[in-house]
Protein backbone atom coordinates (compact mmCIF):
# COMPACT_ATOMS: atom_id res chain seq x y z
CA MET A 1 112.79 77.99 122.21
CA MET A 2 109.42 77.06 120.64
CA ASN A 3 107.71 73.70 120.58
CA ASP A 4 104.97 72.28 118.37
CA GLU A 5 102.21 73.53 120.65
CA THR A 6 103.05 77.26 120.58
CA SER A 7 103.18 79.85 117.84
CA SER A 8 105.74 82.57 117.39
CA ILE A 9 103.04 85.18 117.97
CA GLY A 10 102.05 85.46 121.62
CA HIS A 11 102.59 81.80 122.42
CA ALA A 12 98.99 80.92 121.43
CA PRO A 13 98.48 77.15 121.60
CA ALA A 14 98.19 75.27 118.35
CA VAL A 15 95.66 72.49 117.95
CA TRP A 16 97.33 69.30 119.14
CA THR A 17 96.54 66.11 121.02
CA GLY A 18 95.40 67.08 124.50
CA CYS A 19 93.88 70.40 123.46
CA LEU A 20 90.32 71.52 123.94
CA VAL A 21 89.13 73.01 120.65
CA ALA A 22 86.05 75.12 119.90
CA VAL A 23 85.06 75.20 116.23
CA GLU A 24 82.30 76.46 114.01
CA LEU A 25 81.28 74.08 111.23
CA VAL A 26 79.95 75.89 108.17
CA ASN A 27 77.57 73.84 106.02
CA SER A 28 76.93 74.15 102.28
CA ASP A 29 73.60 75.89 103.02
CA HIS A 30 75.63 78.44 105.08
CA SER A 31 74.13 77.21 108.37
CA LYS A 32 76.60 76.98 111.22
CA GLU A 33 77.11 74.58 114.09
CA LEU A 34 79.26 75.14 117.16
CA LEU A 35 81.24 72.20 118.45
CA SER A 36 83.71 71.84 121.30
CA PHE A 37 85.85 68.76 121.88
CA GLN A 38 89.16 67.49 123.17
CA ILE A 39 91.59 65.72 120.86
CA VAL A 40 92.82 62.49 122.43
CA PRO A 41 94.78 59.39 121.36
CA ASP A 42 92.64 57.13 119.17
CA HIS A 43 92.14 54.43 121.81
CA LEU A 44 90.58 56.99 124.22
CA ALA A 45 88.14 58.56 121.74
CA ASP A 46 84.50 58.83 122.78
CA PHE A 47 82.66 61.44 120.72
CA SER A 48 79.55 61.31 122.92
CA ARG A 49 81.71 62.54 125.84
CA GLY A 50 83.57 65.16 123.80
CA PHE A 51 86.74 63.18 123.04
CA VAL A 52 87.70 63.09 119.35
CA ALA A 53 90.40 60.71 118.06
CA GLU A 54 93.63 62.32 116.91
CA GLY A 55 93.48 60.09 113.82
CA SER A 56 90.02 61.30 112.78
CA ARG A 57 89.63 63.40 109.63
CA LEU A 58 88.55 66.44 111.62
CA ALA A 59 91.42 66.28 114.10
CA GLN A 60 93.93 65.73 111.30
CA ALA A 61 92.59 68.78 109.45
CA LEU A 62 92.99 70.93 112.58
CA MET A 63 96.38 69.71 113.85
CA GLY A 64 98.99 72.46 113.98
CA ARG A 65 96.43 75.20 113.23
CA PHE A 66 95.57 78.18 115.44
CA ALA A 67 92.47 79.99 116.70
CA GLY A 68 91.15 82.38 114.08
CA GLU A 69 91.98 80.14 111.13
CA ARG A 70 89.28 78.93 108.74
CA ILE A 71 90.01 75.61 107.02
CA SER A 72 88.39 74.17 103.94
CA TYR A 73 86.78 70.90 105.03
CA PRO A 74 84.59 69.45 102.25
CA VAL A 75 83.14 66.48 104.13
CA ASP A 76 79.49 65.55 103.63
CA ASP A 77 77.57 68.86 103.78
CA ILE A 78 80.33 70.73 105.65
CA GLU A 79 82.33 73.26 103.62
CA SER A 80 84.70 74.70 106.19
CA VAL A 81 85.71 74.75 109.84
CA ALA A 82 86.59 77.92 111.73
CA ILE A 83 88.74 77.48 114.83
CA LEU A 84 87.22 79.69 117.51
CA GLY A 85 89.49 78.76 120.40
CA VAL A 86 92.25 76.42 121.51
CA GLN A 87 93.42 75.72 125.03
CA LEU A 88 95.16 72.96 126.91
CA ALA A 89 92.53 70.63 128.30
CA GLU A 90 92.13 70.27 132.04
CA ARG A 91 90.26 66.98 132.03
CA THR A 92 91.46 63.61 130.86
CA PRO A 93 89.44 60.82 129.29
CA ASP A 94 88.58 57.77 131.35
CA GLU A 95 91.13 55.03 130.68
CA GLY A 96 88.23 52.57 130.92
CA ILE A 97 86.99 53.78 127.52
CA ALA A 98 89.52 51.60 125.71
CA ARG A 99 88.58 48.56 127.81
CA GLN A 100 84.85 49.18 127.22
CA ARG A 101 85.45 49.52 123.47
CA GLN A 102 87.31 46.16 123.47
CA GLU A 103 84.49 44.49 125.43
CA ASN A 104 81.90 45.89 123.00
CA LEU A 105 83.96 44.69 120.05
CA ALA A 106 84.32 41.20 121.55
CA ARG A 107 80.56 41.06 122.23
CA ALA A 108 79.77 42.14 118.64
CA LEU A 109 82.17 39.53 117.29
CA ARG A 110 80.51 36.78 119.34
CA GLN A 111 77.07 37.91 118.13
CA THR A 112 78.31 37.81 114.53
CA GLU A 113 79.73 34.33 115.01
CA LEU A 114 76.41 33.18 116.48
CA ALA A 115 74.47 34.70 113.56
CA ASN A 116 76.77 32.89 111.11
CA MET A 117 76.30 29.60 112.97
CA ILE A 118 72.51 30.01 112.92
CA ALA A 119 72.57 30.81 109.18
CA PHE A 120 74.68 27.72 108.57
CA ALA A 121 72.38 25.61 110.75
CA ALA A 122 69.33 26.87 108.85
CA SER A 123 70.91 25.92 105.51
CA PHE A 124 72.02 22.56 106.93
CA ASN A 125 68.52 21.94 108.29
CA SER A 126 66.87 22.53 104.93
CA LYS A 127 69.19 20.06 103.21
CA TRP A 128 69.79 17.29 105.77
CA GLY A 129 67.17 17.68 108.42
CA ASP A 130 66.55 18.67 111.99
CA TYR A 131 68.96 21.35 113.30
CA ASP A 132 67.46 23.57 116.01
CA PRO A 133 68.78 27.20 115.92
CA ALA A 134 67.15 27.95 119.32
CA ARG A 135 69.06 25.10 120.96
CA LEU A 136 72.22 26.22 119.18
CA THR A 137 71.76 29.73 120.61
CA GLU A 138 71.22 28.40 124.14
CA GLU A 139 74.33 26.22 123.92
CA TRP A 140 76.36 29.12 122.51
CA GLU A 141 75.31 31.43 125.36
CA ARG A 142 76.21 28.76 127.95
CA GLY A 143 79.59 28.28 126.26
CA VAL A 144 78.99 24.63 125.39
């Protein structure tokens, strides 16, 4: 009996979540770039550490394909992707990646809220008088 991760020829693994994939990106100027990564669930993705989200365009283009296949992939200056190798990955992404991403998102949201408050204070100041953005920033950081 076969499953989604094996082919009928020699039981070669197909590209799937949890696989380590080696590819060759072929650019429109015919230059080539080698890339190796593991496909992981979206919440564990961290490209800088070699973990690509299963929902990404690249992963979606490769899913279910096998080593030796060349896939048309017209994205930016890339024309195609050749799958050089596929194997089950031995390492797993750090579960803390998702937590770190949430913390970064929360920090960015707070910074955006502060920037909006300062912009509002600046417009308020020009119309009705003395509103100090520096004091507003200090109070915001202290949680007042």
